[in-house]
Amino acid sequence: MPGIVCTNLNIAPGQRVAVKGDVLPGAKSFAINLGKSPDVLLLHFNARFDAHGDVKTIVCNSKNKGQWGKELRETNFPFQEGTTAEVLFTHDKKEVIITLPGNHQVKFPNETGLENIEFVCIDGDLNFRSLSLV
């Protein structure tokens, strides 16, 4: 069950989306999805503390017409249970730049070709605090 879903957005290329929340004690994972709809995702960002066979790994993927794309795995894992975390996303026609806590950046290709982000969904073990454009 999603924690929060925002629809009818119009986040243009070059704009930065900031998602802030509290990582729950005992967290297994949380996900932040950006795209057009649940079936068309520019980015599925999944921070896995201990889930799906992964430990302290960030898994990024895209989804087009319900079909998952190629996963990108990031082992720089700056999230800690019981702390507040903010993740920034900047997108354009070529890629999404993800800025993690501590300013480490991960680049994920825009495989869907989406220009505008119309849909944001946050779920899992992250107590949502804010969504903002910076």
N, C-alpha and C. Protein backbone atom coordinates (compact mmCIF):
# COMPACT_ATOMS: atom_id res chain seq x y z
N MET A 1 0.85 -1.19 0.00
CA MET A 1 0.00 0.00 0.00
C MET A 1 0.89 1.24 0.00
N PRO A 2 0.73 2.11 -0.98
CA PRO A 2 1.58 3.30 -1.06
C PRO A 2 1.38 4.24 0.14
N GLY A 3 2.48 4.85 0.54
CA GLY A 3 2.40 5.83 1.62
C GLY A 3 1.77 7.12 1.15
N ILE A 4 2.16 7.58 -0.03
CA ILE A 4 1.60 8.81 -0.60
C ILE A 4 1.72 8.73 -2.11
N VAL A 5 0.69 9.24 -2.79
CA VAL A 5 0.68 9.28 -4.24
C VAL A 5 0.30 10.69 -4.66
N CYS A 6 1.09 11.29 -5.54
CA CYS A 6 0.80 12.61 -6.10
C CYS A 6 0.61 12.43 -7.61
N THR A 7 -0.51 12.96 -8.13
CA THR A 7 -0.78 12.86 -9.55
C THR A 7 -1.06 14.25 -10.12
N ASN A 8 -1.18 14.31 -11.43
CA ASN A 8 -1.45 15.56 -12.15
C ASN A 8 -0.36 16.61 -11.90
N LEU A 9 0.86 16.15 -11.72
CA LEU A 9 1.99 17.07 -11.57
C LEU A 9 2.48 17.46 -12.96
N ASN A 10 3.31 18.48 -13.03
CA ASN A 10 3.92 18.88 -14.29
C ASN A 10 5.34 19.35 -13.99
N ILE A 11 6.21 18.40 -13.68
CA ILE A 11 7.60 18.71 -13.31
C ILE A 11 8.43 18.61 -14.58
N ALA A 12 8.90 19.76 -15.02
CA ALA A 12 9.60 19.87 -16.31
C ALA A 12 11.06 19.44 -16.19
N PRO A 13 11.68 19.09 -17.34
CA PRO A 13 13.10 18.76 -17.33
C PRO A 13 13.92 19.89 -16.72
N GLY A 14 14.91 19.52 -15.92
CA GLY A 14 15.77 20.50 -15.26
C GLY A 14 15.31 20.86 -13.86
N GLN A 15 14.02 20.64 -13.56
CA GLN A 15 13.55 20.91 -12.21
C GLN A 15 14.02 19.79 -11.29
N ARG A 16 14.27 20.15 -10.04
CA ARG A 16 14.69 19.17 -9.05
C ARG A 16 13.54 18.85 -8.11
N VAL A 17 13.34 17.58 -7.87
CA VAL A 17 12.32 17.10 -6.95
C VAL A 17 13.04 16.62 -5.69
N ALA A 18 12.62 17.11 -4.54
CA ALA A 18 13.22 16.69 -3.27
C ALA A 18 12.16 15.91 -2.49
N VAL A 19 12.52 14.71 -2.05
CA VAL A 19 11.64 13.89 -1.22
C VAL A 19 12.34 13.73 0.13
N LYS A 20 11.60 14.05 1.18
CA LYS A 20 12.16 13.99 2.53
C LYS A 20 11.26 13.12 3.41
N GLY A 21 11.90 12.31 4.24
CA GLY A 21 11.13 11.47 5.15
C GLY A 21 12.00 10.87 6.23
N ASP A 22 11.34 10.25 7.20
CA ASP A 22 12.02 9.60 8.30
C ASP A 22 12.09 8.10 8.01
N VAL A 23 13.30 7.56 8.04
CA VAL A 23 13.47 6.13 7.85
C VAL A 23 13.05 5.44 9.15
N LEU A 24 12.11 4.52 9.05
CA LEU A 24 11.56 3.88 10.23
C LEU A 24 12.56 2.92 10.87
N PRO A 25 12.54 2.81 12.19
CA PRO A 25 13.36 1.80 12.85
C PRO A 25 12.94 0.42 12.35
N GLY A 26 13.92 -0.45 12.11
CA GLY A 26 13.64 -1.78 11.59
C GLY A 26 13.28 -1.80 10.11
N ALA A 27 13.60 -0.73 9.39
CA ALA A 27 13.26 -0.61 7.97
C ALA A 27 13.82 -1.76 7.16
N LYS A 28 12.99 -2.27 6.24
CA LYS A 28 13.42 -3.28 5.28
C LYS A 28 13.73 -2.63 3.93
N SER A 29 12.84 -1.71 3.50
CA SER A 29 13.06 -1.00 2.24
C SER A 29 12.04 0.13 2.09
N PHE A 30 12.36 1.07 1.21
CA PHE A 30 11.39 2.07 0.79
C PHE A 30 11.63 2.37 -0.67
N ALA A 31 10.57 2.86 -1.34
CA ALA A 31 10.66 3.15 -2.76
C ALA A 31 10.11 4.54 -3.05
N ILE A 32 10.74 5.19 -4.03
CA ILE A 32 10.26 6.46 -4.56
C ILE A 32 10.12 6.26 -6.07
N ASN A 33 8.92 6.43 -6.58
CA ASN A 33 8.65 6.25 -8.00
C ASN A 33 8.30 7.58 -8.65
N LEU A 34 8.93 7.85 -9.79
CA LEU A 34 8.69 9.08 -10.55
C LEU A 34 8.34 8.69 -11.97
N GLY A 35 7.30 9.29 -12.52
CA GLY A 35 6.96 8.98 -13.90
C GLY A 35 5.65 9.58 -14.35
N LYS A 36 4.94 8.81 -15.19
CA LYS A 36 3.66 9.26 -15.73
C LYS A 36 2.50 8.58 -15.00
N SER A 37 2.72 7.31 -14.59
CA SER A 37 1.68 6.51 -13.92
C SER A 37 2.37 5.32 -13.27
N PRO A 38 1.64 4.49 -12.54
CA PRO A 38 2.27 3.30 -11.94
C PRO A 38 2.87 2.35 -12.99
N ASP A 39 2.36 2.38 -14.23
CA ASP A 39 2.86 1.49 -15.27
C ASP A 39 3.92 2.12 -16.18
N VAL A 40 4.13 3.43 -16.03
CA VAL A 40 5.16 4.13 -16.83
C VAL A 40 5.99 4.96 -15.86
N LEU A 41 7.15 4.39 -15.46
CA LEU A 41 8.02 5.04 -14.48
C LEU A 41 9.35 5.41 -15.11
N LEU A 42 9.66 6.67 -15.05
CA LEU A 42 10.98 7.16 -15.43
C LEU A 42 12.02 6.56 -14.48
N LEU A 43 11.64 6.47 -13.18
CA LEU A 43 12.56 5.94 -12.19
C LEU A 43 11.80 5.27 -11.05
N HIS A 44 12.21 4.04 -10.75
CA HIS A 44 11.82 3.33 -9.54
C HIS A 44 13.08 3.28 -8.69
N PHE A 45 13.08 4.02 -7.59
CA PHE A 45 14.23 4.11 -6.68
C PHE A 45 13.88 3.30 -5.44
N ASN A 46 14.64 2.21 -5.20
CA ASN A 46 14.31 1.30 -4.10
C ASN A 46 15.53 1.14 -3.19
N ALA A 47 15.45 1.75 -2.00
CA ALA A 47 16.50 1.61 -0.99
C ALA A 47 16.21 0.36 -0.17
N ARG A 48 17.08 -0.63 -0.27
CA ARG A 48 16.86 -1.92 0.38
C ARG A 48 17.84 -2.10 1.54
N PHE A 49 17.29 -2.04 2.75
CA PHE A 49 18.11 -2.30 3.93
C PHE A 49 18.37 -3.80 4.03
N ASP A 50 17.32 -4.59 3.87
CA ASP A 50 17.40 -6.05 3.88
C ASP A 50 16.10 -6.57 3.26
N ALA A 51 16.07 -6.59 1.93
CA ALA A 51 14.85 -6.99 1.22
C ALA A 51 15.20 -7.59 -0.13
N HIS A 52 14.41 -8.55 -0.57
CA HIS A 52 14.56 -9.17 -1.89
C HIS A 52 15.97 -9.73 -2.13
N GLY A 53 16.63 -10.18 -1.05
CA GLY A 53 17.96 -10.74 -1.17
C GLY A 53 19.08 -9.71 -1.20
N ASP A 54 18.74 -8.44 -1.07
CA ASP A 54 19.76 -7.37 -1.07
C ASP A 54 19.89 -6.78 0.33
N VAL A 55 21.12 -6.43 0.70
CA VAL A 55 21.39 -5.78 1.97
C VAL A 55 22.12 -4.47 1.68
N LYS A 56 21.58 -3.37 2.21
CA LYS A 56 22.17 -2.04 2.03
C LYS A 56 22.55 -1.78 0.58
N THR A 57 21.55 -1.88 -0.28
CA THR A 57 21.73 -1.66 -1.71
C THR A 57 20.58 -0.81 -2.22
N ILE A 58 20.89 0.11 -3.13
CA ILE A 58 19.87 0.89 -3.81
C ILE A 58 19.69 0.27 -5.20
N VAL A 59 18.45 -0.06 -5.54
CA VAL A 59 18.15 -0.62 -6.85
C VAL A 59 17.30 0.39 -7.60
N CYS A 60 17.75 0.76 -8.79
CA CYS A 60 17.01 1.69 -9.64
C CYS A 60 16.56 0.94 -10.89
N ASN A 61 15.38 1.30 -11.38
CA ASN A 61 14.85 0.67 -12.57
C ASN A 61 13.85 1.62 -13.22
N SER A 62 13.41 1.27 -14.41
CA SER A 62 12.35 2.01 -15.08
C SER A 62 11.26 1.01 -15.44
N LYS A 63 10.09 1.52 -15.77
CA LYS A 63 8.99 0.66 -16.18
C LYS A 63 8.27 1.35 -17.32
N ASN A 64 8.06 0.60 -18.41
CA ASN A 64 7.36 1.16 -19.56
C ASN A 64 6.24 0.20 -19.95
N LYS A 65 5.01 0.70 -19.91
CA LYS A 65 3.82 -0.09 -20.22
C LYS A 65 3.79 -1.36 -19.38
N GLY A 66 4.17 -1.23 -18.11
CA GLY A 66 4.11 -2.35 -17.18
C GLY A 66 5.31 -3.27 -17.21
N GLN A 67 6.25 -3.06 -18.13
CA GLN A 67 7.43 -3.92 -18.26
C GLN A 67 8.66 -3.26 -17.62
N TRP A 68 9.31 -3.99 -16.72
CA TRP A 68 10.51 -3.45 -16.07
C TRP A 68 11.66 -3.39 -17.05
N GLY A 69 12.54 -2.39 -16.86
CA GLY A 69 13.74 -2.23 -17.68
C GLY A 69 14.93 -2.90 -17.01
N LYS A 70 16.11 -2.37 -17.27
CA LYS A 70 17.35 -2.93 -16.74
C LYS A 70 17.68 -2.28 -15.40
N GLU A 71 17.97 -3.10 -14.40
CA GLU A 71 18.30 -2.59 -13.07
C GLU A 71 19.70 -1.98 -13.02
N LEU A 72 19.81 -0.95 -12.19
CA LEU A 72 21.12 -0.39 -11.84
C LEU A 72 21.22 -0.52 -10.33
N ARG A 73 22.33 -1.07 -9.85
CA ARG A 73 22.52 -1.26 -8.42
C ARG A 73 23.63 -0.36 -7.91
N GLU A 74 23.35 0.28 -6.79
CA GLU A 74 24.28 1.21 -6.16
C GLU A 74 24.55 0.72 -4.74
N THR A 75 25.85 0.55 -4.41
CA THR A 75 26.19 0.04 -3.09
C THR A 75 26.53 1.15 -2.09
N ASN A 76 26.66 2.40 -2.57
CA ASN A 76 26.83 3.51 -1.63
C ASN A 76 25.46 3.70 -0.99
N PHE A 77 25.35 3.36 0.29
CA PHE A 77 24.05 3.32 0.96
C PHE A 77 24.09 4.25 2.17
N PRO A 78 23.65 5.50 2.00
CA PRO A 78 23.78 6.49 3.08
C PRO A 78 22.62 6.53 4.07
N PHE A 79 21.66 5.63 3.93
CA PHE A 79 20.46 5.68 4.77
C PHE A 79 20.67 4.91 6.07
N GLN A 80 20.10 5.44 7.16
CA GLN A 80 20.17 4.78 8.45
C GLN A 80 18.78 4.77 9.07
N GLU A 81 18.46 3.66 9.70
CA GLU A 81 17.19 3.55 10.39
C GLU A 81 17.09 4.61 11.47
N GLY A 82 15.88 5.17 11.64
CA GLY A 82 15.64 6.15 12.69
C GLY A 82 16.15 7.54 12.41
N THR A 83 16.55 7.83 11.16
CA THR A 83 17.04 9.17 10.81
C THR A 83 16.17 9.76 9.70
N THR A 84 16.30 11.07 9.51
CA THR A 84 15.62 11.76 8.43
C THR A 84 16.53 11.75 7.20
N ALA A 85 15.94 11.49 6.04
CA ALA A 85 16.72 11.44 4.80
C ALA A 85 16.03 12.28 3.73
N GLU A 86 16.84 12.90 2.88
CA GLU A 86 16.33 13.64 1.74
C GLU A 86 17.05 13.17 0.49
N VAL A 87 16.28 12.89 -0.56
CA VAL A 87 16.84 12.47 -1.84
C VAL A 87 16.36 13.47 -2.89
N LEU A 88 17.30 13.94 -3.71
CA LEU A 88 16.98 14.90 -4.78
C LEU A 88 17.05 14.21 -6.13
N PHE A 89 16.10 14.54 -7.00
CA PHE A 89 16.06 13.96 -8.34
C PHE A 89 16.01 15.10 -9.35
N THR A 90 16.95 15.11 -10.31
CA THR A 90 16.94 16.07 -11.41
C THR A 90 16.89 15.25 -12.70
N HIS A 91 15.95 15.58 -13.57
CA HIS A 91 15.80 14.77 -14.79
C HIS A 91 15.87 15.63 -16.04
N ASP A 92 16.23 14.96 -17.14
CA ASP A 92 16.15 15.57 -18.46
C ASP A 92 15.87 14.45 -19.47
N LYS A 93 15.99 14.73 -20.73
CA LYS A 93 15.67 13.73 -21.75
C LYS A 93 16.63 12.54 -21.72
N LYS A 94 17.85 12.75 -21.19
CA LYS A 94 18.85 11.69 -21.21
C LYS A 94 18.93 10.87 -19.94
N GLU A 95 18.74 11.52 -18.75
CA GLU A 95 19.00 10.80 -17.51
C GLU A 95 18.34 11.48 -16.31
N VAL A 96 18.35 10.74 -15.21
CA VAL A 96 17.95 11.27 -13.92
C VAL A 96 19.21 11.29 -13.06
N ILE A 97 19.49 12.43 -12.46
CA ILE A 97 20.60 12.52 -11.52
C ILE A 97 20.00 12.46 -10.12
N ILE A 98 20.41 11.45 -9.37
CA ILE A 98 19.91 11.22 -8.02
C ILE A 98 20.98 11.68 -7.05
N THR A 99 20.65 12.64 -6.19
CA THR A 99 21.60 13.11 -5.18
C THR A 99 21.17 12.53 -3.84
N LEU A 100 22.04 11.69 -3.31
CA LEU A 100 21.79 11.00 -2.05
C LEU A 100 22.27 11.83 -0.87
N PRO A 101 21.84 11.51 0.34
CA PRO A 101 22.41 12.18 1.52
C PRO A 101 23.94 12.05 1.49
N GLY A 102 24.63 13.13 1.83
CA GLY A 102 26.09 13.15 1.74
C GLY A 102 26.59 13.60 0.38
N ASN A 103 25.65 13.99 -0.51
CA ASN A 103 25.93 14.53 -1.85
C ASN A 103 26.51 13.55 -2.85
N HIS A 104 26.47 12.25 -2.57
CA HIS A 104 26.87 11.26 -3.57
C HIS A 104 25.80 11.25 -4.67
N GLN A 105 26.23 11.21 -5.93
CA GLN A 105 25.28 11.23 -7.03
C GLN A 105 25.31 9.92 -7.82
N VAL A 106 24.13 9.53 -8.27
CA VAL A 106 23.95 8.36 -9.12
C VAL A 106 23.21 8.83 -10.36
N LYS A 107 23.64 8.39 -11.54
CA LYS A 107 22.96 8.75 -12.79
C LYS A 107 22.25 7.52 -13.33
N PHE A 108 20.98 7.72 -13.69
CA PHE A 108 20.17 6.64 -14.23
C PHE A 108 19.61 7.09 -15.58
N PRO A 109 19.79 6.28 -16.64
CA PRO A 109 19.33 6.70 -17.97
C PRO A 109 17.82 6.82 -18.06
N ASN A 110 17.37 7.80 -18.83
CA ASN A 110 15.93 7.99 -19.08
C ASN A 110 15.53 7.05 -20.21
N GLU A 111 15.26 5.81 -19.86
CA GLU A 111 14.93 4.80 -20.87
C GLU A 111 13.50 4.92 -21.39
N THR A 112 12.64 5.61 -20.66
CA THR A 112 11.24 5.74 -21.10
C THR A 112 11.06 6.91 -22.07
N GLY A 113 12.01 7.85 -22.08
CA GLY A 113 11.88 9.03 -22.92
C GLY A 113 10.92 10.08 -22.38
N LEU A 114 10.42 9.87 -21.15
CA LEU A 114 9.51 10.85 -20.56
C LEU A 114 10.21 12.18 -20.37
N GLU A 115 9.49 13.25 -20.65
CA GLU A 115 10.02 14.58 -20.41
C GLU A 115 9.53 15.12 -19.08
N ASN A 116 8.23 15.11 -18.87
CA ASN A 116 7.66 15.66 -17.64
C ASN A 116 7.30 14.54 -16.67
N ILE A 117 7.48 14.84 -15.40
CA ILE A 117 7.05 13.92 -14.35
C ILE A 117 5.65 14.36 -13.92
N GLU A 118 4.71 13.42 -14.01
CA GLU A 118 3.32 13.71 -13.66
C GLU A 118 2.87 12.95 -12.42
N PHE A 119 3.68 11.97 -12.00
CA PHE A 119 3.28 11.03 -10.96
C PHE A 119 4.46 10.79 -10.02
N VAL A 120 4.21 10.88 -8.71
CA VAL A 120 5.22 10.54 -7.70
C VAL A 120 4.52 9.68 -6.66
N CYS A 121 5.18 8.58 -6.30
CA CYS A 121 4.64 7.67 -5.28
C CYS A 121 5.77 7.30 -4.32
N ILE A 122 5.51 7.41 -3.04
CA ILE A 122 6.49 7.05 -2.01
C ILE A 122 5.84 5.98 -1.15
N ASP A 123 6.53 4.85 -0.98
CA ASP A 123 5.98 3.82 -0.11
C ASP A 123 7.08 3.02 0.58
N GLY A 124 6.66 2.19 1.51
CA GLY A 124 7.61 1.38 2.26
C GLY A 124 7.91 1.99 3.61
N ASP A 125 9.10 1.73 4.10
CA ASP A 125 9.48 2.08 5.46
C ASP A 125 10.08 3.49 5.57
N LEU A 126 9.40 4.45 4.94
CA LEU A 126 9.79 5.85 4.99
C LEU A 126 8.56 6.66 5.37
N ASN A 127 8.61 7.30 6.52
CA ASN A 127 7.52 8.14 6.98
C ASN A 127 7.63 9.48 6.24
N PHE A 128 6.78 9.68 5.26
CA PHE A 128 6.84 10.84 4.37
C PHE A 128 6.73 12.14 5.15
N ARG A 129 7.62 13.10 4.84
CA ARG A 129 7.56 14.46 5.44
C ARG A 129 7.22 15.51 4.40
N SER A 130 7.94 15.48 3.25
CA SER A 130 7.67 16.53 2.26
C SER A 130 8.13 16.13 0.86
N LEU A 131 7.47 16.77 -0.11
CA LEU A 131 7.83 16.68 -1.52
C LEU A 131 7.92 18.12 -1.98
N SER A 132 9.05 18.51 -2.54
CA SER A 132 9.18 19.91 -2.96
C SER A 132 9.98 20.02 -4.24
N LEU A 133 9.78 21.13 -4.93
CA LEU A 133 10.56 21.46 -6.11
C LEU A 133 11.62 22.47 -5.71
N VAL A 134 12.86 22.20 -6.07
CA VAL A 134 13.96 23.10 -5.70
C VAL A 134 14.67 23.58 -6.93
